Amino acid sequence: MAAGTALGACAFLPRGTVAAAPQANSAMFNSLLDESLSASPQLATIFGLDTGERVRLKHRLDDRGPSNRLSMYGSFHKMAPKPAAAATPPDPRGRQWLETARWFADTARDMAAIENLTVSSVTYPLPYALTQLTGAYVEVPDMLATQHSIADATDCEAYIDRLSALAAAIDQDTEMSRMQAAAGIVPPDFICDRTTSQLDDLAKDRGAASGLVQALATRASAANIRGEWARRAVALVDGPIQAALMRQQAHMRSLRSQAVESAGIGTRPQDGAFYEMALRFHLTTGTSSAEVHRIGLEQVAAVQAEAGALMDKLGIAAGPTVARMNALAKDPAQLFPNTDAGRETLLAFVRERTEDMRRRLPAAFAHLPRTLMEVRRVPVAIQLGSPFAYSSAGSMDGTRPGITWLNLTTTADWPKWQLPTLAYHEGLPGHHLQGSLSSEETEIPAVFNIFPPNAYNEGWGLYAEQLADELGVYDDMPLGRLGKLQASLFRACRLVVDTGIHVQGWSRESAIAYLIQEGGVASEMARRETERYVSWPGQACSYKMGYLEIMRQREATRVRTR
């Protein structure tokens, strides 16, 4: 997944095939970009757009107050009349850009109509201001450590300015959560518990050894940038930031007393309106929740049948499909030691598969990205609440690498036969290739590089898994193809579980059990994934639904060109 950042553009197009944005609409697209980045300076940093005339944005954090609750989408809401009134360009690409701007304007209108909805730097509409996945307390440290560049003293001062603003951002989240609670919108009790646990861990991360301090001090030292950066950062981390975290902890503990066990947004005010809006946002197609649930059940049955046939062919002991996959996932021969050394070996394996894919890419792509990619472990401080894997974008100028993050809370989540598919989904030819090529294509209006429709974005990740198979990556590792099918089954289960939680009233326990029993998902991963779906309604449906649409269009193109 591309969590915490948007990767890609509205359409995947080889370099040199995109017509320049029509002159009549270029000014509008530029204004939308400027307004969006002003509303979300963190987004500017994520994409490396906080330089030159926008360097002031590097000193700021997002305003998380009620007046900016739509964040980057506020620009489309405010400027909606302009795309609506713009003349339709004669060229196909120009029409596509204008239609996309109109779609985002309509979507922003739908968001604005739902009171207490918020948007954070993950770029998703959210029902809760504070969860294990969202809030300044979890988003800002990650952004500062991995995406705020440090090249000179000015960058260090910008980092300090952002640290100075972090306490206020945390307090804004606390106040927004308090306002939501007054309207009856409270996260489930288990989300409150997970969030409080992470806040506790961050509050303990103090002094010169804290992650927020080290992310500045070590890079400043490596770049030989003189200054009392560590001392200044410690004063902020141990002073106002610590105090704001303590206030947020107290709020979450108070909120816990109001929380209920019910997992779905369907039990909260504006329930149905929020979820159907979230599905429209993530899928773009208008497919109803009932149809998504039905498709999910069909896909689960189809992929289980295919996986069962493959295991029969590979001679894996007879029995129910998922039971055999679960047994294989626990096979000691397929597991890395649950030690620091074992985790390093696991990361090295993923990097090796990534490099193998890099050598194969010219067979499928005429142009390859110049932006580099790294594979890293999710920071320990946030791993209990984080997704099991995700990508963060490199800068749009290619100077800062993209990153594939793996949650290594336990290596039991990652049997060896499942890892190649992860590498292809998150890295190459997945999110990193797709996002980097789109970002490096200068003729695409830049505003659409930071606002990709999620179904295309995540659908491409699943398409990349299939493309990798077509490039022969499993010829030397037949079990890897089973890993691809297990991943496909997992995404099909998501359709069932996400709609089950938010529309059909499934409990957290029922959702976890379904992922384990029907998807062959490890228990801890099933727990983290379920809690993610609770906090990010609708997002999990974008993967399989986007993939199915990409495959439909690919087949239609083949038919037309025969």
Protein backbone atom coordinates (compact mmCIF):
# COMPACT_ATOMS: atom_id res chain seq x y z
CA MET A 1 0.00 0.00 0.00
CA ALA A 2 0.92 3.64 -0.33
CA ALA A 3 0.11 4.74 3.10
CA GLY A 4 0.96 8.15 4.35
CA THR A 5 1.54 9.44 0.86
CA ALA A 6 0.01 9.46 -2.54
CA LEU A 7 2.01 7.81 -5.27
CA GLY A 8 1.39 8.25 -8.97
CA ALA A 9 -0.84 10.22 -11.26
CA CYS A 10 -4.28 9.95 -12.73
CA ALA A 11 -3.15 7.64 -15.47
CA PHE A 12 -0.02 5.60 -16.10
CA LEU A 13 1.53 6.85 -19.30
CA PRO A 14 4.95 6.13 -20.84
CA ARG A 15 7.32 9.07 -21.03
CA GLY A 16 6.75 11.30 -24.02
CA THR A 17 3.15 10.26 -24.69
CA VAL A 18 1.38 12.91 -22.62
CA ALA A 19 0.24 16.10 -24.27
CA ALA A 20 1.11 19.24 -22.37
CA ALA A 21 -1.65 20.66 -20.18
CA PRO A 22 -3.79 23.01 -22.27
CA GLN A 23 -2.74 26.61 -21.81
CA ALA A 24 -6.32 27.57 -20.98
CA ASN A 25 -6.27 25.38 -17.88
CA SER A 26 -2.62 25.49 -16.84
CA ALA A 27 -3.15 28.48 -14.57
CA MET A 28 -6.06 26.74 -12.85
CA PHE A 29 -4.06 23.54 -12.30
CA ASN A 30 -1.14 25.56 -10.92
CA SER A 31 -3.47 27.42 -8.57
CA LEU A 32 -4.94 24.14 -7.34
CA LEU A 33 -1.44 22.85 -6.67
CA ASP A 34 -0.35 25.98 -4.80
CA GLU A 35 -3.52 26.08 -2.70
CA SER A 36 -3.25 22.37 -1.88
CA LEU A 37 0.36 22.63 -0.77
CA SER A 38 -0.34 25.73 1.30
CA ALA A 39 -3.07 23.77 3.08
CA SER A 40 -0.70 20.83 3.60
CA PRO A 41 2.97 21.84 3.86
CA GLN A 42 3.75 18.28 4.89
CA LEU A 43 2.49 17.09 1.51
CA ALA A 44 4.90 19.55 -0.12
CA THR A 45 7.75 17.92 1.79
CA ILE A 46 6.58 14.40 0.99
CA PHE A 47 6.90 15.19 -2.72
CA GLY A 48 9.99 17.37 -2.45
CA LEU A 49 8.04 20.48 -3.48
CA ASP A 50 9.15 22.56 -0.48
CA THR A 51 12.01 24.22 -2.36
CA GLY A 52 12.51 27.45 -4.33
CA GLU A 53 9.53 29.77 -4.01
CA ARG A 54 7.82 27.23 -1.73
CA VAL A 55 10.71 26.86 0.72
CA ARG A 56 8.63 28.62 3.38
CA LEU A 57 6.46 25.49 3.51
CA LYS A 58 9.40 23.51 4.83
CA HIS A 59 9.17 25.48 8.08
CA ARG A 60 5.51 24.66 8.68
CA LEU A 61 3.27 21.77 9.70
CA ASP A 62 -0.29 21.25 8.51
CA ASP A 63 -2.98 23.27 10.22
CA ARG A 64 -5.13 20.56 11.82
CA GLY A 65 -7.91 22.83 13.07
CA PRO A 66 -11.59 22.80 12.01
CA SER A 67 -11.13 25.55 9.42
CA ASN A 68 -8.65 23.34 7.51
CA ARG A 69 -10.33 20.00 8.10
CA LEU A 70 -10.38 19.18 4.37
CA SER A 71 -6.64 19.93 4.23
CA MET A 72 -5.29 19.52 0.68
CA TYR A 73 -8.77 18.88 -0.74
CA GLY A 74 -9.95 22.26 0.47
CA SER A 75 -8.48 23.83 -2.66
CA PHE A 76 -10.76 21.77 -4.90
CA HIS A 77 -13.75 22.64 -2.75
CA LYS A 78 -12.95 26.35 -2.76
CA MET A 79 -12.14 26.49 -6.48
CA ALA A 80 -14.91 24.12 -7.65
CA PRO A 81 -16.60 26.76 -9.85
CA LYS A 82 -13.45 27.13 -11.97
CA PRO A 83 -13.22 23.51 -13.22
CA ALA A 84 -16.99 23.46 -13.64
CA ALA A 85 -16.92 26.55 -15.86
CA ALA A 86 -13.72 25.79 -17.77
CA ALA A 87 -14.00 25.19 -21.50
CA THR A 88 -13.43 21.59 -22.54
CA PRO A 89 -10.11 21.28 -24.41
CA PRO A 90 -10.11 19.59 -27.84
CA ASP A 91 -7.32 17.09 -27.06
CA PRO A 92 -8.05 13.83 -25.15
CA ARG A 93 -5.43 14.40 -22.44
CA GLY A 94 -6.62 17.95 -21.82
CA ARG A 95 -10.16 16.62 -21.38
CA GLN A 96 -8.90 13.97 -18.99
CA TRP A 97 -7.17 16.52 -16.78
CA LEU A 98 -10.24 18.73 -16.68
CA GLU A 99 -12.56 15.81 -15.94
CA THR A 100 -10.23 14.73 -13.14
CA ALA A 101 -10.27 18.22 -11.61
CA ARG A 102 -14.06 18.21 -11.76
CA TRP A 103 -14.18 14.80 -10.10
CA PHE A 104 -11.98 15.97 -7.24
CA ALA A 105 -14.11 19.11 -6.85
CA ASP A 106 -17.26 16.98 -6.61
CA THR A 107 -15.55 14.65 -4.15
CA ALA A 108 -14.39 17.56 -2.00
CA ARG A 109 -17.97 18.83 -1.95
CA ASP A 110 -19.13 15.43 -0.69
CA MET A 111 -16.47 15.49 2.02
CA ALA A 112 -17.41 18.99 3.12
CA ALA A 113 -21.04 17.90 3.52
CA ILE A 114 -20.08 15.44 6.27
CA GLU A 115 -19.57 17.24 9.55
CA ASN A 116 -16.52 16.32 11.64
CA LEU A 117 -14.83 14.48 8.74
CA THR A 118 -11.11 15.19 8.68
CA VAL A 119 -8.27 14.65 6.23
CA SER A 120 -4.66 14.20 7.30
CA SER A 121 -1.40 13.86 5.39
CA VAL A 122 -2.33 10.29 4.45
CA THR A 123 -4.73 12.08 2.03
CA TYR A 124 -7.77 9.96 3.00
CA PRO A 125 -11.11 11.16 4.39
CA LEU A 126 -11.17 9.99 8.01
CA PRO A 127 -13.91 9.57 10.60
CA TYR A 128 -11.55 9.99 13.57
CA ALA A 129 -8.89 12.66 14.15
CA LEU A 130 -6.87 10.35 16.41
CA THR A 131 -6.17 6.68 15.85
CA GLN A 132 -3.23 4.29 15.83
CA LEU A 133 -2.58 5.38 12.23
CA THR A 134 -3.45 9.06 12.14
CA GLY A 135 -2.65 12.16 14.09
CA ALA A 136 0.31 14.50 14.24
CA TYR A 137 1.91 12.33 16.92
CA VAL A 138 2.45 9.51 14.40
CA GLU A 139 2.57 11.36 11.05
CA VAL A 140 5.01 14.17 11.86
CA PRO A 141 7.89 12.13 13.37
CA ASP A 142 7.83 9.82 10.35
CA MET A 143 7.80 12.74 7.90
CA LEU A 144 10.62 14.56 9.70
CA ALA A 145 12.81 11.46 9.86
CA THR A 146 12.38 10.25 6.30
CA GLN A 147 11.24 13.13 4.10
CA HIS A 148 12.40 16.43 5.61
CA SER A 149 15.79 16.79 3.91
CA ILE A 150 18.82 18.10 5.80
CA ALA A 151 21.46 19.67 3.55
CA ASP A 152 22.36 22.94 5.29
CA ALA A 153 21.70 25.09 8.36
CA THR A 154 18.51 26.49 6.82
CA ASP A 155 17.08 22.96 6.63
CA CYS A 156 18.02 22.42 10.27
CA GLU A 157 16.27 25.64 11.25
CA ALA A 158 13.21 24.50 9.31
CA TYR A 159 13.28 21.22 11.26
CA ILE A 160 13.44 23.15 14.54
CA ASP A 161 10.55 25.35 13.39
CA ARG A 162 8.49 22.25 12.71
CA LEU A 163 9.38 20.79 16.10
CA SER A 164 8.30 24.09 17.64
CA ALA A 165 4.93 23.71 15.89
CA LEU A 166 4.40 20.05 16.80
CA ALA A 167 2.94 20.66 20.26
CA ALA A 168 0.24 22.92 18.78
CA ALA A 169 -0.52 20.32 16.08
CA ILE A 170 -0.93 17.61 18.73
CA ASP A 171 -3.24 19.89 20.69
CA GLN A 172 -5.29 20.57 17.55
CA ASP A 173 -5.81 16.84 17.09
CA THR A 174 -6.83 16.54 20.73
CA GLU A 175 -9.37 19.34 20.35
CA MET A 176 -10.72 17.93 17.06
CA SER A 177 -11.14 14.52 18.70
CA ARG A 178 -12.93 16.19 21.59
CA MET A 179 -15.30 17.94 19.15
CA GLN A 180 -16.00 14.66 17.39
CA ALA A 181 -16.72 12.96 20.69
CA ALA A 182 -19.24 15.67 21.56
CA ALA A 183 -21.03 14.74 18.33
CA GLY A 184 -21.00 11.05 19.25
CA ILE A 185 -18.07 10.11 17.00
CA VAL A 186 -15.70 8.07 19.17
CA PRO A 187 -13.28 5.39 17.95
CA PRO A 188 -13.94 1.84 19.17
CA ASP A 189 -12.43 0.92 22.52
CA PHE A 190 -9.67 -1.20 20.99
CA ILE A 191 -8.58 1.70 18.75
CA CYS A 192 -8.45 3.96 21.81
CA ASP A 193 -6.30 1.36 23.56
CA ARG A 194 -3.90 1.00 20.62
CA THR A 195 -3.59 4.77 20.23
CA THR A 196 -2.96 5.28 23.94
CA SER A 197 -0.28 2.58 23.88
CA GLN A 198 1.54 4.31 21.04
CA LEU A 199 1.26 7.68 22.75
CA ASP A 200 2.77 6.12 25.85
CA ASP A 201 5.69 4.80 23.82
CA LEU A 202 6.30 8.17 22.16
CA ALA A 203 6.10 10.01 25.48
CA LYS A 204 8.89 7.77 26.81
CA ASP A 205 11.09 8.64 23.83
CA ARG A 206 12.81 11.63 25.40
CA GLY A 207 16.17 13.33 25.67
CA ALA A 208 19.09 13.29 23.28
CA ALA A 209 18.39 9.67 22.30
CA SER A 210 14.81 10.31 21.17
CA GLY A 211 13.93 9.65 17.56
CA LEU A 212 12.84 13.26 16.94
CA VAL A 213 16.19 14.55 18.17
CA GLN A 214 18.34 11.94 16.46
CA ALA A 215 16.63 12.44 13.09
CA LEU A 216 18.05 15.97 13.13
CA ALA A 217 21.28 15.61 15.10
CA THR A 218 22.73 12.62 13.24
CA ARG A 219 22.05 14.05 9.79
CA ALA A 220 23.34 17.49 10.73
CA SER A 221 26.52 15.91 12.06
CA ALA A 222 26.95 13.75 8.94
CA ALA A 223 26.62 16.87 6.79
CA ASN A 224 29.02 18.79 9.06
CA ILE A 225 26.39 21.45 9.79
CA ARG A 226 27.46 23.25 12.94
CA GLY A 227 24.94 24.34 15.53
CA GLU A 228 23.35 23.32 18.81
CA TRP A 229 20.71 21.31 17.03
CA ALA A 230 20.47 18.48 19.53
CA ARG A 231 20.21 20.81 22.52
CA ARG A 232 17.50 22.89 20.88
CA ALA A 233 15.57 19.81 19.77
CA VAL A 234 15.76 18.21 23.23
CA ALA A 235 14.34 21.38 24.81
CA LEU A 236 11.30 21.11 22.52
CA VAL A 237 10.84 17.34 22.78
CA ASP A 238 11.13 17.27 26.57
CA GLY A 239 9.22 20.53 27.02
CA PRO A 240 6.15 21.58 24.99
CA ILE A 241 5.91 18.38 22.90
CA GLN A 242 6.01 16.21 26.01
CA ALA A 243 3.34 18.36 27.65
CA ALA A 244 1.08 18.14 24.58
CA LEU A 245 1.51 14.36 24.47
CA MET A 246 0.53 14.15 28.14
CA ARG A 247 -2.61 16.16 27.38
CA GLN A 248 -3.41 13.87 24.48
CA GLN A 249 -2.84 10.79 26.61
CA ALA A 250 -5.24 12.12 29.23
CA HIS A 251 -7.82 12.84 26.53
CA MET A 252 -7.55 9.34 25.05
CA ARG A 253 -7.96 7.75 28.45
CA SER A 254 -11.02 9.90 29.06
CA LEU A 255 -12.33 9.04 25.58
CA ARG A 256 -11.92 5.34 26.36
CA SER A 257 -14.69 5.61 28.92
CA GLN A 258 -17.10 6.74 26.16
CA ALA A 259 -15.96 4.16 23.60
CA VAL A 260 -17.90 1.08 22.60
CA GLU A 261 -16.71 -2.20 21.15
CA SER A 262 -18.60 -1.77 17.88
CA ALA A 263 -16.02 -1.63 15.08
CA GLY A 264 -17.90 -0.11 12.16
CA ILE A 265 -18.59 3.49 11.22
CA GLY A 266 -22.17 2.31 10.67
CA THR A 267 -22.94 2.77 14.37
CA ARG A 268 -21.75 6.40 14.41
CA PRO A 269 -23.60 9.56 13.35
CA GLN A 270 -23.69 10.13 9.56
CA ASP A 271 -22.75 6.47 9.25
CA GLY A 272 -24.06 5.41 5.86
CA ALA A 273 -23.25 8.75 4.25
CA PHE A 274 -19.63 8.56 5.39
CA TYR A 275 -18.98 5.02 4.21
CA GLU A 276 -20.59 5.35 0.80
CA MET A 277 -18.67 8.62 0.32
CA ALA A 278 -15.46 6.85 1.36
CA LEU A 279 -16.09 4.10 -1.20
CA ARG A 280 -16.70 6.66 -3.95
CA PHE A 281 -13.46 8.40 -2.97
CA HIS A 282 -11.36 5.25 -2.94
CA LEU A 283 -12.94 3.47 -5.94
CA THR A 284 -14.03 6.43 -8.18
CA THR A 285 -16.62 4.15 -9.80
CA GLY A 286 -19.72 4.60 -7.66
CA THR A 287 -19.87 0.85 -6.95
CA SER A 288 -22.15 0.26 -3.96
CA SER A 289 -21.02 -1.41 -0.75
CA ALA A 290 -23.39 -4.33 -1.43
CA GLU A 291 -21.82 -4.90 -4.86
CA VAL A 292 -18.30 -4.68 -3.42
CA HIS A 293 -19.21 -7.29 -0.80
CA ARG A 294 -20.64 -9.62 -3.46
CA ILE A 295 -17.59 -9.27 -5.70
CA GLY A 296 -15.38 -9.97 -2.69
CA LEU A 297 -17.13 -13.25 -1.92
CA GLU A 298 -16.85 -14.34 -5.56
CA GLN A 299 -13.15 -13.46 -5.69
CA VAL A 300 -12.41 -15.30 -2.45
CA ALA A 301 -13.94 -18.49 -3.83
CA ALA A 302 -12.16 -18.16 -7.20
CA VAL A 303 -8.69 -17.50 -5.76
CA GLN A 304 -9.04 -20.26 -3.17
CA ALA A 305 -9.79 -22.70 -5.98
CA GLU A 306 -6.76 -21.56 -7.99
CA ALA A 307 -4.47 -21.76 -4.95
CA GLY A 308 -5.74 -25.23 -4.11
CA ALA A 309 -5.00 -26.45 -7.62
CA LEU A 310 -1.46 -25.01 -7.47
CA MET A 311 -0.76 -26.70 -4.12
CA ASP A 312 -1.96 -30.00 -5.54
CA LYS A 313 0.45 -29.52 -8.45
CA LEU A 314 3.31 -28.70 -6.07
CA GLY A 315 2.59 -31.77 -3.98
CA ILE A 316 1.67 -29.89 -0.82
CA ALA A 317 -0.24 -32.21 1.54
CA ALA A 318 -3.93 -32.62 0.79
CA GLY A 319 -6.57 -30.79 2.77
CA PRO A 320 -8.56 -27.56 2.78
CA THR A 321 -6.83 -24.82 0.81
CA VAL A 322 -6.48 -22.26 3.59
CA ALA A 323 -5.44 -24.87 6.15
CA ARG A 324 -2.60 -25.95 3.85
CA MET A 325 -1.53 -22.34 3.32
CA ASN A 326 -1.58 -21.73 7.08
CA ALA A 327 0.54 -24.81 7.70
CA LEU A 328 3.04 -23.70 5.08
CA ALA A 329 3.19 -20.23 6.63
CA LYS A 330 4.29 -21.82 9.92
CA ASP A 331 6.85 -24.15 8.37
CA PRO A 332 10.15 -23.40 10.16
CA ALA A 333 11.97 -23.81 6.85
CA GLN A 334 10.02 -20.79 5.53
CA LEU A 335 10.54 -18.52 8.54
CA PHE A 336 13.32 -16.08 9.38
CA PRO A 337 14.54 -16.04 12.99
CA ASN A 338 12.60 -13.54 15.10
CA THR A 339 15.80 -11.75 16.05
CA ASP A 340 17.53 -8.58 14.89
CA ALA A 341 19.83 -10.72 12.75
CA GLY A 342 16.85 -12.58 11.32
CA ARG A 343 15.15 -9.31 10.45
CA GLU A 344 18.25 -8.13 8.61
CA THR A 345 18.33 -11.37 6.66
CA LEU A 346 14.68 -10.89 5.75
CA LEU A 347 15.32 -7.35 4.54
CA ALA A 348 18.30 -8.57 2.52
CA PHE A 349 16.10 -11.17 0.84
CA VAL A 350 13.57 -8.51 -0.20
CA ARG A 351 16.37 -6.31 -1.53
CA GLU A 352 17.74 -9.25 -3.53
CA ARG A 353 14.35 -9.90 -5.16
CA THR A 354 14.04 -6.19 -5.89
CA GLU A 355 17.39 -6.13 -7.67
CA ASP A 356 16.44 -9.21 -9.68
CA MET A 357 13.27 -7.43 -10.80
CA ARG A 358 15.23 -4.30 -11.70
CA ARG A 359 17.19 -6.38 -14.21
CA ARG A 360 13.97 -7.73 -15.76
CA LEU A 361 12.14 -4.42 -16.13
CA PRO A 362 13.49 -3.45 -19.60
CA ALA A 363 11.55 -6.40 -21.02
CA ALA A 364 8.28 -4.69 -20.05
CA PHE A 365 9.02 -0.95 -19.88
CA ALA A 366 10.59 1.38 -22.39
CA HIS A 367 11.36 3.95 -19.71
CA LEU A 368 12.49 3.33 -16.13
CA PRO A 369 12.49 5.75 -13.20
CA ARG A 370 15.65 7.56 -12.18
CA THR A 371 14.45 7.80 -8.57
CA LEU A 372 16.15 5.21 -6.36
CA MET A 373 14.38 2.98 -3.85
CA GLU A 374 15.32 1.64 -0.42
CA VAL A 375 13.87 -1.15 1.73
CA ARG A 376 13.62 -0.39 5.44
CA ARG A 377 12.01 -1.65 8.62
CA VAL A 378 9.03 0.25 10.06
CA PRO A 379 10.33 2.17 13.14
CA VAL A 380 9.82 0.13 16.30
CA ALA A 381 8.06 3.04 18.02
CA ILE A 382 5.08 2.88 15.66
CA GLN A 383 5.12 -0.74 14.47
CA LEU A 384 2.28 -2.01 16.69
CA GLY A 385 -0.25 0.24 14.98
CA SER A 386 1.27 0.41 11.49
CA PRO A 387 0.18 -1.51 8.38
CA PHE A 388 2.21 -4.63 7.63
CA ALA A 389 3.90 -2.93 4.65
CA TYR A 390 3.69 0.35 2.77
CA SER A 391 5.58 2.71 0.49
CA SER A 392 6.58 6.33 0.80
CA ALA A 393 7.29 8.40 -2.27
CA GLY A 394 10.63 9.75 -3.31
CA SER A 395 10.85 13.43 -4.14
CA MET A 396 9.43 14.49 -7.49
CA ASP A 397 12.87 15.65 -8.65
CA GLY A 398 14.33 12.20 -7.97
CA THR A 399 16.89 13.38 -5.41
CA ARG A 400 15.32 11.61 -2.42
CA PRO A 401 14.69 7.87 -2.76
CA GLY A 402 11.37 6.15 -2.30
CA ILE A 403 11.12 3.70 0.57
CA THR A 404 9.42 0.33 0.96
CA TRP A 405 8.61 -0.19 4.63
CA LEU A 406 8.15 -3.62 6.21
CA ASN A 407 6.54 -4.05 9.61
CA LEU A 408 8.77 -6.56 11.37
CA THR A 409 7.04 -6.72 14.74
CA THR A 410 7.42 -10.46 14.28
CA THR A 411 9.09 -12.23 11.39
CA ALA A 412 6.37 -14.90 11.66
CA ASP A 413 4.21 -12.48 9.65
CA TRP A 414 6.56 -12.93 6.67
CA PRO A 415 7.23 -16.51 5.58
CA LYS A 416 9.75 -16.54 2.77
CA TRP A 417 7.31 -17.68 0.07
CA GLN A 418 5.13 -14.58 0.61
CA LEU A 419 7.90 -11.97 0.47
CA PRO A 420 8.58 -11.71 -3.29
CA THR A 421 5.02 -10.56 -3.98
CA LEU A 422 5.43 -7.84 -1.36
CA ALA A 423 8.61 -6.61 -3.06
CA TYR A 424 6.86 -6.43 -6.43
CA HIS A 425 3.76 -4.69 -5.07
CA GLU A 426 5.45 -1.99 -3.02
CA GLY A 427 8.61 -1.53 -5.07
CA LEU A 428 9.26 -2.70 -8.62
CA PRO A 429 7.23 -2.86 -10.83
CA GLY A 430 4.73 -1.64 -8.24
CA HIS A 431 4.24 1.62 -6.42
CA HIS A 432 7.81 2.85 -6.73
CA LEU A 433 8.01 2.40 -10.49
CA GLN A 434 4.50 3.70 -11.16
CA GLY A 435 4.78 6.67 -8.82
CA SER A 436 8.28 7.64 -9.86
CA LEU A 437 7.55 7.54 -13.60
CA SER A 438 4.45 9.63 -13.07
CA SER A 439 6.30 12.15 -10.92
CA GLU A 440 9.17 12.38 -13.38
CA GLU A 441 6.79 13.02 -16.30
CA THR A 442 6.93 16.80 -16.46
CA GLU A 443 4.01 17.18 -18.87
CA ILE A 444 1.45 15.84 -16.39
CA PRO A 445 -0.06 18.74 -14.40
CA ALA A 446 1.81 18.45 -11.11
CA VAL A 447 -1.35 18.70 -9.03
CA PHE A 448 -2.41 15.26 -10.30
CA ASN A 449 0.88 13.69 -9.29
CA ILE A 450 0.00 14.33 -5.66
CA PHE A 451 -3.69 13.38 -5.99
CA PRO A 452 -3.98 9.96 -7.64
CA PRO A 453 -7.30 8.12 -7.45
CA ASN A 454 -6.68 5.40 -4.91
CA ALA A 455 -8.19 2.55 -6.95
CA TYR A 456 -5.68 3.24 -9.72
CA ASN A 457 -2.83 3.62 -7.25
CA GLU A 458 -3.46 0.41 -5.33
CA GLY A 459 -4.86 -1.44 -8.33
CA TRP A 460 -1.52 -0.88 -10.01
CA GLY A 461 0.19 -2.57 -7.05
CA LEU A 462 -1.84 -5.73 -7.62
CA TYR A 463 -1.34 -5.50 -11.37
CA ALA A 464 2.41 -5.29 -10.69
CA GLU A 465 2.20 -8.60 -8.81
CA GLN A 466 0.71 -10.26 -11.88
CA LEU A 467 3.15 -8.56 -14.24
CA ALA A 468 6.04 -9.87 -12.15
CA ASP A 469 4.71 -13.40 -12.63
CA GLU A 470 4.46 -12.79 -16.37
CA LEU A 471 8.14 -11.73 -16.32
CA GLY A 472 9.12 -15.15 -14.97
CA VAL A 473 10.14 -14.26 -11.43
CA TYR A 474 8.76 -17.49 -9.99
CA ASP A 475 10.50 -19.86 -12.38
CA ASP A 476 13.17 -20.46 -9.72
CA MET A 477 10.73 -20.26 -6.79
CA PRO A 478 7.40 -21.98 -7.51
CA LEU A 479 6.19 -21.34 -3.98
CA GLY A 480 6.45 -17.64 -4.73
CA ARG A 481 3.53 -17.99 -7.13
CA LEU A 482 1.49 -19.38 -4.23
CA GLY A 483 2.52 -16.24 -2.35
CA LYS A 484 1.04 -14.18 -5.20
CA LEU A 485 -2.23 -16.09 -4.92
CA GLN A 486 -2.25 -15.72 -1.13
CA ALA A 487 -1.83 -11.96 -1.57
CA SER A 488 -4.65 -11.91 -4.13
CA LEU A 489 -6.84 -13.89 -1.73
CA PHE A 490 -6.01 -11.44 1.04
CA ARG A 491 -7.14 -8.48 -1.10
CA ALA A 492 -10.36 -10.31 -1.99
CA CYS A 493 -10.99 -10.90 1.72
CA ARG A 494 -10.55 -7.18 2.30
CA LEU A 495 -13.59 -6.44 0.14
CA VAL A 496 -15.66 -8.74 2.31
CA VAL A 497 -14.25 -7.61 5.63
CA ASP A 498 -14.25 -3.85 5.05
CA THR A 499 -17.87 -3.82 3.92
CA GLY A 500 -18.70 -6.38 6.58
CA ILE A 501 -17.36 -4.14 9.35
CA HIS A 502 -18.82 -0.85 8.19
CA VAL A 503 -22.12 -1.90 6.60
CA GLN A 504 -23.07 -5.31 7.93
CA GLY A 505 -22.09 -4.78 11.55
CA TRP A 506 -19.26 -7.29 11.81
CA SER A 507 -17.31 -7.25 15.06
CA ARG A 508 -13.55 -6.89 15.23
CA GLU A 509 -13.30 -10.55 16.24
CA SER A 510 -15.45 -11.70 13.32
CA ALA A 511 -13.31 -9.75 10.87
CA ILE A 512 -10.06 -11.15 12.30
CA ALA A 513 -11.45 -14.68 12.18
CA TYR A 514 -12.51 -14.28 8.54
CA LEU A 515 -9.06 -13.09 7.48
CA ILE A 516 -7.44 -16.04 9.25
CA GLN A 517 -9.91 -18.72 8.16
CA GLU A 518 -10.62 -17.61 4.59
CA GLY A 519 -7.48 -15.64 3.75
CA GLY A 520 -4.75 -17.59 5.50
CA VAL A 521 -3.55 -14.41 7.23
CA ALA A 522 -1.37 -14.73 10.34
CA SER A 523 -3.24 -13.81 13.53
CA GLU A 524 -1.21 -10.73 14.46
CA MET A 525 -1.33 -9.42 10.91
CA ALA A 526 -5.09 -10.05 10.81
CA ARG A 527 -5.46 -8.01 13.97
CA ARG A 528 -3.44 -5.07 12.64
CA GLU A 529 -5.21 -5.16 9.29
CA THR A 530 -8.68 -5.24 10.83
CA GLU A 531 -7.85 -2.26 13.03
CA ARG A 532 -6.58 -0.44 9.96
CA TYR A 533 -9.88 -1.00 8.14
CA VAL A 534 -11.71 0.38 11.17
CA SER A 535 -9.63 3.57 11.15
CA TRP A 536 -9.53 4.03 7.36
CA PRO A 537 -13.01 3.02 6.10
CA GLY A 538 -13.16 2.04 2.43
CA GLN A 539 -9.43 2.26 1.69
CA ALA A 540 -8.88 -1.49 1.76
CA CYS A 541 -11.39 -1.96 -1.08
CA SER A 542 -9.31 0.04 -3.55
CA TYR A 543 -6.77 -2.73 -4.17
CA LYS A 544 -8.80 -5.56 -5.65
CA MET A 545 -11.43 -3.29 -7.23
CA GLY A 546 -8.74 -1.18 -8.89
CA TYR A 547 -6.95 -4.28 -10.13
CA LEU A 548 -10.11 -5.73 -11.63
CA GLU A 549 -10.73 -2.49 -13.54
CA ILE A 550 -7.14 -2.32 -14.81
CA MET A 551 -7.39 -5.90 -16.05
CA ARG A 552 -10.73 -5.15 -17.71
CA GLN A 553 -9.21 -2.20 -19.54
CA ARG A 554 -6.10 -4.15 -20.50
CA GLU A 555 -8.18 -6.91 -22.05
CA ALA A 556 -10.37 -4.37 -23.85
CA THR A 557 -7.23 -2.77 -25.28
CA ARG A 558 -5.94 -6.14 -26.47
CA VAL A 559 -9.22 -6.83 -28.24
CA ARG A 560 -9.16 -3.44 -29.97
CA THR A 561 -5.56 -3.84 -31.16
CA ARG A 562 -5.76 -7.41 -32.46
